[in-house]
């Protein structure tokens, strides 16, 4: 059901390697933006890549 560039929160969290609850906290804080597509909130892959690019190297 996911579009290639728009992920449901569960898949977006897996993409980032974080728990889904953490992703929802990032969304609520405005750190990661969502879009509504077909009536469901989704996260664009470019938003995830933008978030990853601004994380300190581990």
N, C-alpha and C. Protein backbone atom coordinates (compact mmCIF):
# COMPACT_ATOMS: atom_id res chain seq x y z
N UNK A 1 0.82 -1.19 0.00
CA UNK A 1 0.00 0.00 0.00
C UNK A 1 0.87 1.26 0.00
N UNK A 2 2.13 1.14 0.39
CA UNK A 2 3.00 2.31 0.38
C UNK A 2 3.36 2.70 -1.04
N UNK A 3 3.44 3.99 -1.27
CA UNK A 3 4.00 4.50 -2.50
C UNK A 3 5.52 4.48 -2.31
N UNK A 4 6.29 4.36 -3.38
CA UNK A 4 7.74 4.23 -3.22
C UNK A 4 8.40 5.36 -2.42
N UNK A 5 7.90 6.57 -2.52
CA UNK A 5 8.52 7.70 -1.85
C UNK A 5 7.75 8.18 -0.62
N UNK A 6 6.65 7.52 -0.30
CA UNK A 6 5.84 7.89 0.86
C UNK A 6 5.63 6.65 1.71
N UNK A 7 6.11 6.68 2.94
CA UNK A 7 6.05 5.51 3.80
C UNK A 7 5.06 5.72 4.95
N UNK A 8 4.39 4.65 5.31
CA UNK A 8 3.59 4.67 6.53
C UNK A 8 4.55 4.78 7.72
N UNK A 9 4.09 5.32 8.84
CA UNK A 9 4.98 5.52 9.98
C UNK A 9 5.75 4.26 10.41
N UNK A 10 5.13 3.12 10.39
CA UNK A 10 5.81 1.87 10.79
C UNK A 10 7.02 1.59 9.90
N UNK A 11 6.84 1.76 8.60
CA UNK A 11 7.95 1.53 7.67
C UNK A 11 8.98 2.64 7.75
N UNK A 12 8.53 3.87 7.99
CA UNK A 12 9.46 4.99 8.13
C UNK A 12 10.36 4.79 9.35
N UNK A 13 9.79 4.31 10.44
CA UNK A 13 10.59 4.04 11.64
C UNK A 13 11.62 2.95 11.37
N UNK A 14 11.21 1.91 10.64
CA UNK A 14 12.15 0.84 10.29
C UNK A 14 13.26 1.38 9.39
N UNK A 15 12.93 2.29 8.49
CA UNK A 15 13.91 2.91 7.60
C UNK A 15 14.97 3.65 8.41
N UNK A 16 14.52 4.31 9.48
CA UNK A 16 15.45 5.05 10.34
C UNK A 16 16.13 4.17 11.37
N UNK A 17 15.57 2.98 11.60
CA UNK A 17 16.13 2.09 12.61
C UNK A 17 15.79 2.52 14.03
N UNK A 18 14.61 3.13 14.19
CA UNK A 18 14.17 3.59 15.51
C UNK A 18 12.79 3.01 15.79
N UNK A 19 12.38 2.97 17.07
CA UNK A 19 11.03 2.51 17.39
C UNK A 19 9.97 3.46 16.80
N UNK A 20 8.82 2.91 16.48
CA UNK A 20 7.76 3.73 15.88
C UNK A 20 7.32 4.85 16.83
N UNK A 21 7.29 4.59 18.12
CA UNK A 21 6.90 5.63 19.08
C UNK A 21 7.86 6.82 19.01
N UNK A 22 9.15 6.55 18.85
CA UNK A 22 10.13 7.63 18.71
C UNK A 22 9.85 8.45 17.46
N UNK A 23 9.50 7.78 16.38
CA UNK A 23 9.15 8.50 15.15
C UNK A 23 7.95 9.41 15.40
N UNK A 24 6.93 8.92 16.08
CA UNK A 24 5.76 9.73 16.37
C UNK A 24 6.13 10.94 17.24
N UNK A 25 7.08 10.75 18.15
CA UNK A 25 7.54 11.88 18.96
C UNK A 25 8.26 12.92 18.10
N UNK A 26 9.05 12.46 17.15
CA UNK A 26 9.74 13.38 16.23
C UNK A 26 8.73 14.13 15.37
N UNK A 27 7.68 13.45 14.95
CA UNK A 27 6.63 14.10 14.15
C UNK A 27 5.91 15.14 15.01
N UNK A 28 5.56 14.78 16.24
CA UNK A 28 4.85 15.70 17.13
C UNK A 28 5.70 16.94 17.44
N UNK A 29 7.01 16.76 17.52
CA UNK A 29 7.91 17.88 17.81
C UNK A 29 8.17 18.74 16.58
N UNK A 30 7.73 18.29 15.42
CA UNK A 30 7.94 19.04 14.19
C UNK A 30 9.30 18.77 13.55
N UNK A 31 10.02 17.80 14.05
CA UNK A 31 11.34 17.46 13.50
C UNK A 31 11.21 16.77 12.17
N UNK A 32 10.21 15.92 12.03
CA UNK A 32 9.94 15.23 10.77
C UNK A 32 8.51 15.59 10.36
N UNK A 33 8.37 16.03 9.12
CA UNK A 33 7.06 16.44 8.60
C UNK A 33 6.38 15.27 7.92
N UNK A 34 5.06 15.30 7.93
CA UNK A 34 4.27 14.27 7.27
C UNK A 34 3.42 14.91 6.17
N UNK A 35 2.89 14.06 5.31
CA UNK A 35 1.94 14.47 4.29
C UNK A 35 0.73 13.54 4.39
N UNK A 36 -0.41 14.02 3.96
CA UNK A 36 -1.58 13.15 3.88
C UNK A 36 -1.71 12.69 2.44
N UNK A 37 -1.76 11.39 2.27
CA UNK A 37 -1.88 10.79 0.94
C UNK A 37 -2.93 9.69 1.05
N UNK A 38 -3.97 9.80 0.25
CA UNK A 38 -5.08 8.85 0.28
C UNK A 38 -5.68 8.74 1.68
N UNK A 39 -5.75 9.88 2.36
CA UNK A 39 -6.40 9.94 3.66
C UNK A 39 -5.59 9.42 4.83
N UNK A 40 -4.30 9.14 4.62
CA UNK A 40 -3.47 8.58 5.68
C UNK A 40 -2.19 9.40 5.79
N UNK A 41 -1.75 9.64 7.03
CA UNK A 41 -0.48 10.35 7.22
C UNK A 41 0.67 9.45 6.80
N UNK A 42 1.58 10.00 6.02
CA UNK A 42 2.75 9.27 5.56
C UNK A 42 3.97 10.17 5.68
N UNK A 43 5.13 9.54 5.64
CA UNK A 43 6.38 10.28 5.74
C UNK A 43 7.12 10.12 4.42
N UNK A 44 7.53 11.24 3.85
CA UNK A 44 8.28 11.20 2.59
C UNK A 44 9.71 10.74 2.86
N UNK A 45 10.24 9.94 1.97
CA UNK A 45 11.61 9.43 2.11
C UNK A 45 12.60 10.60 2.19
N UNK A 46 12.36 11.68 1.43
CA UNK A 46 13.28 12.81 1.49
C UNK A 46 13.31 13.43 2.88
N UNK A 47 12.19 13.39 3.62
CA UNK A 47 12.18 13.89 5.01
C UNK A 47 13.05 13.01 5.89
N UNK A 48 13.00 11.71 5.68
CA UNK A 48 13.81 10.79 6.48
C UNK A 48 15.29 10.99 6.17
N UNK A 49 15.61 11.16 4.91
CA UNK A 49 17.01 11.40 4.53
C UNK A 49 17.51 12.74 5.07
N UNK A 50 16.64 13.75 5.08
CA UNK A 50 17.00 15.05 5.65
C UNK A 50 17.29 14.91 7.14
N UNK A 51 16.46 14.15 7.84
CA UNK A 51 16.67 13.92 9.27
C UNK A 51 18.00 13.19 9.49
N UNK A 52 18.25 12.14 8.73
CA UNK A 52 19.48 11.37 8.89
C UNK A 52 20.73 12.22 8.61
N UNK A 53 20.64 13.10 7.64
CA UNK A 53 21.79 13.94 7.27
C UNK A 53 22.17 14.90 8.40
N UNK A 54 21.23 15.22 9.27
CA UNK A 54 21.51 16.16 10.35
C UNK A 54 21.80 15.48 11.68
N UNK A 55 21.92 14.15 11.67
CA UNK A 55 22.27 13.42 12.89
C UNK A 55 23.77 13.30 13.03
N UNK A 56 24.28 13.41 14.25
CA UNK A 56 25.73 13.24 14.43
C UNK A 56 26.14 11.81 14.11
N UNK A 57 27.35 11.66 13.59
CA UNK A 57 27.87 10.33 13.26
C UNK A 57 28.09 9.55 14.54
N UNK A 58 27.74 8.25 14.48
CA UNK A 58 27.92 7.44 15.69
C UNK A 58 29.20 6.67 15.71
